[in-house]
Protein backbone atom coordinates (compact mmCIF):
# COMPACT_ATOMS: atom_id res chain seq x y z
CA MET A 1 -21.59 -73.45 0.97
CA ASN A 2 -23.52 -74.05 4.75
CA VAL A 3 -21.82 -73.14 7.13
CA VAL A 4 -22.76 -73.38 10.79
CA ILE A 5 -20.96 -72.00 13.81
CA ILE A 6 -22.69 -74.25 17.09
CA SER A 7 -24.26 -72.04 19.39
CA THR A 8 -23.19 -73.61 23.33
CA GLY A 9 -24.87 -71.61 25.59
CA PHE A 10 -22.38 -69.59 26.79
CA SER A 11 -19.48 -68.71 23.75
CA ASN A 12 -19.14 -64.74 22.42
CA LEU A 13 -19.80 -65.97 18.80
CA SER A 14 -19.56 -62.81 17.71
CA SER A 15 -15.37 -62.74 17.01
CA ILE A 16 -15.82 -66.03 14.71
CA TYR A 17 -18.52 -64.85 13.18
CA TRP A 18 -17.09 -62.01 11.78
CA SER A 19 -13.94 -63.79 10.90
CA ILE A 20 -16.07 -66.02 9.03
CA LYS A 21 -17.80 -63.23 7.13
CA ARG A 22 -14.79 -61.37 5.71
CA ILE A 23 -13.40 -64.57 4.37
CA GLY A 24 -16.70 -64.39 2.47
CA TYR A 25 -19.03 -66.89 3.54
CA ASN A 26 -22.21 -66.17 5.48
CA PRO A 27 -22.12 -68.45 8.66
CA ILE A 28 -25.42 -69.55 10.29
CA ILE A 29 -25.27 -69.66 14.23
CA SER A 30 -27.80 -71.89 15.53
CA SER A 31 -28.53 -74.79 18.04
CA ASP A 32 -31.27 -76.18 15.80
CA SER A 33 -30.65 -79.84 15.38
CA LYS A 34 -32.00 -79.75 11.77
CA ILE A 35 -29.76 -77.05 10.68
CA ILE A 36 -26.36 -78.29 12.46
CA LYS A 37 -27.42 -81.90 10.80
CA ASN A 38 -27.65 -80.40 7.07
CA SER A 39 -24.56 -78.24 7.67
CA SER A 40 -21.62 -78.76 5.16
CA LYS A 41 -18.92 -77.10 7.44
CA LEU A 42 -19.50 -77.59 11.27
CA ILE A 43 -18.09 -74.73 13.96
CA LEU A 44 -17.84 -75.72 17.83
CA PRO A 45 -16.68 -73.09 19.63
CA GLY A 46 -15.35 -72.82 22.91
CA VAL A 47 -15.72 -71.09 25.75
CA GLY A 48 -16.58 -72.21 29.47
CA THR A 49 -16.22 -75.56 31.06
CA PRO A 50 -17.19 -78.69 29.71
CA SER A 51 -19.89 -79.41 32.11
CA PHE A 52 -21.95 -76.39 31.15
CA VAL A 53 -21.27 -77.03 27.38
CA MET A 54 -22.26 -80.93 27.42
CA LYS A 55 -24.90 -79.77 29.63
CA TYR A 56 -26.31 -77.41 26.93
CA LEU A 57 -25.34 -79.95 23.72
CA HIS A 58 -27.41 -82.64 25.40
CA GLU A 59 -30.29 -80.33 26.23
CA LYS A 60 -30.28 -79.98 22.97
CA ASN A 61 -30.34 -83.12 21.31
CA LEU A 62 -27.01 -82.19 19.88
CA VAL A 63 -24.56 -84.80 20.84
CA HIS A 64 -25.14 -87.51 18.31
CA ILE A 65 -25.80 -85.45 16.04
CA ILE A 66 -22.00 -83.70 16.41
CA GLN A 67 -20.76 -87.43 17.01
CA ASP A 68 -21.57 -89.06 13.85
CA TYR A 69 -20.91 -85.90 12.07
CA LYS A 70 -19.26 -86.80 8.75
CA ARG A 71 -18.79 -83.72 6.91
CA PRO A 72 -15.46 -81.41 7.90
CA LEU A 73 -16.27 -80.03 11.65
CA LEU A 74 -13.71 -77.87 13.17
CA GLY A 75 -13.61 -77.45 17.08
CA ILE A 76 -11.83 -73.89 18.82
CA CYS A 77 -10.58 -73.90 22.12
CA LEU A 78 -12.96 -75.82 24.49
CA GLY A 79 -14.47 -77.21 21.47
CA MET A 80 -11.56 -78.92 20.46
CA GLN A 81 -11.01 -80.57 24.05
CA LEU A 82 -14.66 -81.73 23.97
CA PHE A 83 -13.32 -84.32 21.46
CA PHE A 84 -12.01 -86.14 23.55
CA ARG A 85 -13.53 -88.12 26.66
CA HIS A 86 -12.59 -86.79 30.07
CA SER A 87 -11.04 -83.22 31.58
CA GLU A 88 -9.51 -83.06 34.15
CA GLU A 89 -11.32 -79.18 34.83
CA SER A 90 -14.77 -81.47 34.98
CA GLN A 91 -14.00 -84.25 36.58
CA GLY A 92 -16.62 -87.14 36.05
CA ILE A 93 -18.02 -85.24 33.25
CA HIS A 94 -18.16 -87.57 30.21
CA MET A 95 -17.81 -85.66 27.01
CA LEU A 96 -18.05 -86.34 23.09
CA ASP A 97 -15.44 -88.74 22.90
CA ILE A 98 -14.70 -88.96 19.57
CA LEU A 99 -10.72 -89.28 19.73
CA SER A 100 -11.35 -92.90 22.30
CA LYS A 101 -9.81 -92.83 25.87
CA SER A 102 -7.99 -89.96 24.93
CA CYS A 103 -8.19 -87.24 27.52
CA ILE A 104 -7.54 -83.37 28.22
CA TYR A 105 -5.27 -82.49 31.08
CA LYS A 106 -3.79 -79.20 33.11
CA LEU A 107 -0.99 -77.66 32.01
CA GLN A 108 1.72 -78.00 34.17
CA ALA A 109 3.11 -74.41 34.16
CA ILE A 110 5.49 -74.35 37.47
CA LYS A 111 7.43 -70.96 36.13
CA SER A 112 5.14 -69.78 34.42
CA VAL A 113 1.33 -68.42 34.73
CA LEU A 114 -2.07 -69.58 34.23
CA PRO A 115 -4.04 -69.69 32.12
CA HIS A 116 -1.62 -69.78 29.23
CA ILE A 117 -2.64 -66.11 27.97
CA GLY A 118 -1.39 -64.96 24.40
CA TRP A 119 0.83 -65.21 21.26
CA ASN A 120 2.56 -68.29 20.96
CA LYS A 121 4.24 -70.77 18.02
CA VAL A 122 2.67 -73.29 16.36
CA TYR A 123 4.76 -76.39 15.07
CA PHE A 124 3.19 -78.64 12.67
CA LYS A 125 4.75 -82.54 12.34
CA LYS A 126 3.84 -82.51 8.79
CA LYS A 127 1.78 -80.56 6.36
CA ASN A 128 -1.45 -80.61 6.84
CA PRO A 129 -4.72 -78.71 4.80
CA LEU A 130 -5.59 -76.65 7.58
CA PHE A 131 -1.65 -75.18 7.27
CA LYS A 132 -1.72 -74.70 4.06
CA ASP A 133 0.21 -71.23 3.12
CA ILE A 134 0.67 -71.06 6.85
CA SER A 135 4.64 -70.80 8.20
CA ASN A 136 5.71 -73.32 10.40
CA GLY A 137 6.25 -72.04 13.72
CA GLU A 138 3.73 -68.82 12.34
CA TRP A 139 2.50 -67.22 15.90
CA PHE A 140 -1.28 -67.40 17.14
CA TYR A 141 -3.09 -66.69 19.89
CA PHE A 142 -3.85 -69.09 23.05
CA ILE A 143 -6.20 -68.42 25.85
CA HIS A 144 -6.30 -72.16 28.17
CA SER A 145 -5.59 -73.54 31.38
CA TYR A 146 -6.02 -77.02 30.14
CA ALA A 147 -4.65 -78.90 26.78
CA SER A 148 -3.88 -82.04 25.28
CA LEU A 149 -0.55 -84.60 25.35
CA ILE A 150 0.79 -85.23 22.35
CA ASN A 151 -0.77 -88.12 20.90
CA SER A 152 -1.78 -90.08 17.92
CA PHE A 153 -4.14 -86.88 16.86
CA THR A 154 -2.00 -84.34 16.71
CA ILE A 155 -1.02 -82.03 13.59
CA SER A 156 0.59 -79.31 15.76
CA LYS A 157 2.53 -78.77 19.18
CA THR A 158 3.40 -75.66 21.25
CA TYR A 159 5.67 -74.74 23.81
CA TYR A 160 4.76 -73.56 27.11
CA GLU A 161 7.05 -75.09 29.67
CA GLN A 162 6.00 -78.72 27.87
CA PHE A 163 4.37 -79.41 24.38
CA PHE A 164 0.94 -79.91 24.13
CA SER A 165 -1.22 -80.29 20.83
CA SER A 166 -1.82 -77.05 19.55
CA SER A 167 -4.19 -78.95 16.68
CA ILE A 168 -5.64 -82.41 15.75
CA GLN A 169 -7.12 -84.21 13.40
CA TYR A 170 -8.98 -87.22 13.16
CA ASN A 171 -10.69 -87.84 9.66
CA ASN A 172 -13.15 -85.30 9.86
CA PHE A 173 -12.60 -83.93 13.03
CA PHE A 174 -10.33 -80.93 13.06
CA GLY A 175 -9.38 -78.81 16.28
CA VAL A 176 -7.54 -76.00 17.39
CA GLN A 177 -6.62 -75.19 20.73
CA PHE A 178 -5.50 -71.23 19.89
CA HIS A 179 -8.24 -69.20 18.34
CA PRO A 180 -7.45 -68.20 14.86
CA GLU A 181 -10.49 -65.43 15.24
CA LYS A 182 -8.06 -63.81 17.51
CA SER A 183 -5.22 -64.58 15.43
CA GLY A 184 -4.98 -61.78 12.78
CA LEU A 185 -4.08 -62.76 9.05
CA SER A 186 -2.56 -66.08 10.20
CA GLY A 187 -5.78 -67.29 11.63
CA MET A 188 -7.67 -65.68 8.65
CA ILE A 189 -5.79 -68.06 6.08
CA LEU A 190 -6.46 -70.83 8.79
CA LEU A 191 -10.29 -70.20 8.88
CA LYS A 192 -10.47 -70.02 5.12
CA ASN A 193 -8.27 -73.35 4.85
CA PHE A 194 -10.83 -74.94 7.23
CA LEU A 195 -13.41 -73.84 4.64
CA GLU A 196 -12.17 -75.19 1.59
CA ILE A 197 -11.31 -78.35 3.08
CA LYS A 198 -12.89 -81.10 0.92
CA ILE A 199 -13.86 -84.74 2.55
C-alpha cells in the first residue's frame, strides 16, 4: 500500500510518520503532486494556520488534487478543518471547500481556557469504520481553538463547554479534530482502521 503524508510546509510530521511505521506500513512524506495523486491512502496533517497551509498547497499545485482525490483521505486537526470553506481563524481565506458551504468557528470557552489542550472524550453517533474496536466515549488528545459545529458530516462529537465535531466523514474524506498520533493505543487503532478502509 502506498501511504502518503502530505508535507504542508509547516507541520511536524515525525510523530504521524512513526505512528504509521509502528502499525506496519511504510509511509512517504511528500509534496510532489505525482506521488500524492498516485497514493492509495492520503493523510493531510495539521499544524499552523489556514492561510499559511492553503498558500503552500496552492504553490505546490495540490489543491485540486486533494479536492478530486477518490481514495481514502484522513485530515488531522487543521487538516480536517481545511475540508471546510472558511475559518474564523483566517478571515477571507478560501479553504478546500470539500464540505460545501460549511465553516470553522472559534470555540466559545467562557469558563475554560483556549486553546483546548489535553485529553477529552469522543462520542460517536453510530459505528463508523474509523472507530472499529474503539469504545464510545474513549479518550483522545486535542490541541485547538477552532472547530466545526455539529452538522450532517459529523460522525463523533466532543464537549468543551459546547459540543463540537471531533470527527467527520464525507464520502472518502475522513477528518479528526484530535491527534491520533498523540492518543496512545486508541489513536493507533484509529490510524490502523483508516489504513484498512476500502472505498
